C-alpha cells in the first residue's frame, strides 16, 4: 500500500559492482552531489581462475573505498568477509 511520488528523477544511485567500471572516476563525477548513494567494491584478486569478469577498479580496504568516494555524509560503511575476498559497502550522500 506504499506509493512513492517523484518527479521522475532518481532518488538514489545503487552500484553493487563498482570494481567493474573501467573509468570509475568519470562515472562517479556524473553522479549529482547530494544524491543518496549505495556503493560496493571489493579487494578481489583477478588472478583467481574461477573469475571470468574483468575486475579493473578494486580497493584494498573499506578505508580506501570510503576515502575514494568522499561522500559528504556517511550513513553506513562496512566490510563483508567472504571466502576469497572482502566486499566493501558505503551508503551516504555524495
C-alpha atoms as a PDB file:
ATOM      1  CA  UNK A   1       0.000   0.000   0.000  1.00  0.00           C
ATOM      2  CA  UNK A   2       3.004   2.293  -0.234  1.00  0.00           C
ATOM      3  CA  UNK A   3       3.173   4.794  -3.043  1.00  0.00           C
ATOM      4  CA  UNK A   4       6.185   6.894  -3.958  1.00  0.00           C
ATOM      5  CA  UNK A   5       5.637  10.171  -5.734  1.00  0.00           C
ATOM      6  CA  UNK A   6       8.595  11.540  -7.663  1.00  0.00           C
ATOM      7  CA  UNK A   7       9.227  13.940 -10.488  1.00  0.00           C
ATOM      8  CA  UNK A   8      10.780  11.101 -12.483  1.00  0.00           C
ATOM      9  CA  UNK A   9      14.323  11.836 -11.320  1.00  0.00           C
ATOM     10  CA  UNK A  10      16.161   9.059  -9.473  1.00  0.00           C
ATOM     11  CA  UNK A  11      16.255   9.414  -5.697  1.00  0.00           C
ATOM     12  CA  UNK A  12      19.382   7.301  -5.227  1.00  0.00           C
ATOM     13  CA  UNK A  13      22.160   5.524  -7.106  1.00  0.00           C
ATOM     14  CA  UNK A  14      22.980   1.900  -6.284  1.00  0.00           C
ATOM     15  CA  UNK A  15      26.064   0.252  -7.752  1.00  0.00           C
ATOM     16  CA  UNK A  16      26.997  -3.173  -6.406  1.00  0.00           C
ATOM     17  CA  UNK A  17      29.835  -3.745  -8.876  1.00  0.00           C
ATOM     18  CA  UNK A  18      31.976  -0.605  -8.934  1.00  0.00           C
ATOM     19  CA  UNK A  19      35.055  -2.814  -9.381  1.00  0.00           C
ATOM     20  CA  UNK A  20      33.981  -3.465 -12.983  1.00  0.00           C
ATOM     21  CA  UNK A  21      33.794   0.194 -14.097  1.00  0.00           C
ATOM     22  CA  UNK A  22      36.912   0.973 -16.087  1.00  0.00           C
ATOM     23  CA  UNK A  23      36.589   4.771 -15.894  1.00  0.00           C
ATOM     24  CA  UNK A  24      35.136   4.847 -12.396  1.00  0.00           C
ATOM     25  CA  UNK A  25      36.235   8.400 -11.565  1.00  0.00           C
ATOM     26  CA  UNK A  26      34.469   9.758 -14.664  1.00  0.00           C
ATOM     27  CA  UNK A  27      31.373   7.706 -13.826  1.00  0.00           C
ATOM     28  CA  UNK A  28      31.443   8.878 -10.204  1.00  0.00           C
ATOM     29  CA  UNK A  29      31.773  12.522 -11.322  1.00  0.00           C
ATOM     30  CA  UNK A  30      28.483  12.121 -13.226  1.00  0.00           C
ATOM     31  CA  UNK A  31      26.565  11.285 -10.023  1.00  0.00           C
ATOM     32  CA  UNK A  32      24.991  14.524  -8.738  1.00  0.00           C
ATOM     33  CA  UNK A  33      26.212  15.991  -5.452  1.00  0.00           C
ATOM     34  CA  UNK A  34      23.715  15.413  -2.660  1.00  0.00           C
ATOM     35  CA  UNK A  35      22.470  12.128  -4.200  1.00  0.00           C
ATOM     36  CA  UNK A  36      21.927   9.192  -1.850  1.00  0.00           C
ATOM     37  CA  UNK A  37      24.401   6.510  -2.956  1.00  0.00           C
ATOM     38  CA  UNK A  38      24.884   2.839  -2.113  1.00  0.00           C
ATOM     39  CA  UNK A  39      28.289   1.787  -3.469  1.00  0.00           C
ATOM     40  CA  UNK A  40      30.063  -1.569  -3.269  1.00  0.00           C
ATOM     41  CA  UNK A  41      33.574  -2.649  -4.225  1.00  0.00           C
ATOM     42  CA  UNK A  42      35.983  -5.397  -3.183  1.00  0.00           C
ATOM     43  CA  UNK A  43      39.601  -6.491  -2.900  1.00  0.00           C
ATOM     44  CA  UNK A  44      39.247  -9.465  -5.248  1.00  0.00           C
ATOM     45  CA  UNK A  45      42.458 -10.722  -6.853  1.00  0.00           C
ATOM     46  CA  UNK A  46      41.733 -11.212 -10.557  1.00  0.00           C
ATOM     47  CA  UNK A  47      44.321 -13.989 -10.762  1.00  0.00           C
ATOM     48  CA  UNK A  48      41.771 -16.439  -9.355  1.00  0.00           C
ATOM     49  CA  UNK A  49      40.879 -18.996 -12.047  1.00  0.00           C
ATOM     50  CA  UNK A  50      37.164 -19.040 -11.293  1.00  0.00           C
ATOM     51  CA  UNK A  51      36.513 -15.364 -12.086  1.00  0.00           C
ATOM     52  CA  UNK A  52      35.534 -14.671 -15.707  1.00  0.00           C
ATOM     53  CA  UNK A  53      34.697 -10.955 -15.474  1.00  0.00           C
ATOM     54  CA  UNK A  54      37.278  -8.236 -15.801  1.00  0.00           C
ATOM     55  CA  UNK A  55      37.971  -6.525 -12.496  1.00  0.00           C
ATOM     56  CA  UNK A  56      39.597  -3.157 -13.122  1.00  0.00           C
ATOM     57  CA  UNK A  57      38.865  -0.996 -10.111  1.00  0.00           C
ATOM     58  CA  UNK A  58      39.322  -2.820  -6.805  1.00  0.00           C
ATOM     59  CA  UNK A  59      40.327  -1.265  -3.492  1.00  0.00           C
ATOM     60  CA  UNK A  60      42.330  -2.721  -0.626  1.00  0.00           C
ATOM     61  CA  UNK A  61      40.142  -1.693   2.343  1.00  0.00           C
ATOM     62  CA  UNK A  62      36.915  -0.027   3.451  1.00  0.00           C
ATOM     63  CA  UNK A  63      39.040   2.952   4.490  1.00  0.00           C
ATOM     64  CA  UNK A  64      40.397   3.310   0.936  1.00  0.00           C
ATOM     65  CA  UNK A  65      36.914   2.896  -0.584  1.00  0.00           C
ATOM     66  CA  UNK A  66      35.371   5.456   1.757  1.00  0.00           C
ATOM     67  CA  UNK A  67      38.190   7.926   1.092  1.00  0.00           C
ATOM     68  CA  UNK A  68      37.864   7.492  -2.672  1.00  0.00           C
ATOM     69  CA  UNK A  69      34.116   8.134  -2.608  1.00  0.00           C
ATOM     70  CA  UNK A  70      34.484  11.058  -0.219  1.00  0.00           C
ATOM     71  CA  UNK A  71      30.746  11.250   0.490  1.00  0.00           C
ATOM     72  CA  UNK A  72      29.542  14.372   2.303  1.00  0.00           C
ATOM     73  CA  UNK A  73      27.577  12.331   4.876  1.00  0.00           C
ATOM     74  CA  UNK A  74      28.175   8.674   5.697  1.00  0.00           C
ATOM     75  CA  UNK A  75      25.159   6.646   6.799  1.00  0.00           C
ATOM     76  CA  UNK A  76      26.895   3.261   6.804  1.00  0.00           C
ATOM     77  CA  UNK A  77      30.206   1.714   5.867  1.00  0.00           C
ATOM     78  CA  UNK A  78      31.193  -1.872   6.389  1.00  0.00           C
ATOM     79  CA  UNK A  79      33.032  -4.957   5.230  1.00  0.00           C
ATOM     80  CA  UNK A  80      31.633  -8.400   4.469  1.00  0.00           C
ATOM     81  CA  UNK A  81      34.398 -11.010   4.713  1.00  0.00           C
ATOM     82  CA  UNK A  82      33.857 -13.722   2.101  1.00  0.00           C
ATOM     83  CA  UNK A  83      35.929 -16.828   1.362  1.00  0.00           C
ATOM     84  CA  UNK A  84      38.049 -15.343  -1.431  1.00  0.00           C
ATOM     85  CA  UNK A  85      37.757 -11.590  -0.902  1.00  0.00           C
ATOM     86  CA  UNK A  86      36.231  -8.799   1.171  1.00  0.00           C
ATOM     87  CA  UNK A  87      33.229  -6.815  -0.043  1.00  0.00           C
ATOM     88  CA  UNK A  88      33.039  -3.158   0.976  1.00  0.00           C
ATOM     89  CA  UNK A  89      29.896  -1.029   1.114  1.00  0.00           C
ATOM     90  CA  UNK A  90      29.407   2.681   1.680  1.00  0.00           C
ATOM     91  CA  UNK A  91      25.971   4.272   1.997  1.00  0.00           C
ATOM     92  CA  UNK A  92      25.734   8.022   2.213  1.00  0.00           C
ATOM     93  CA  UNK A  93      25.124  11.315   0.426  1.00  0.00           C
ATOM     94  CA  UNK A  94      27.585  12.369  -2.237  1.00  0.00           C
END
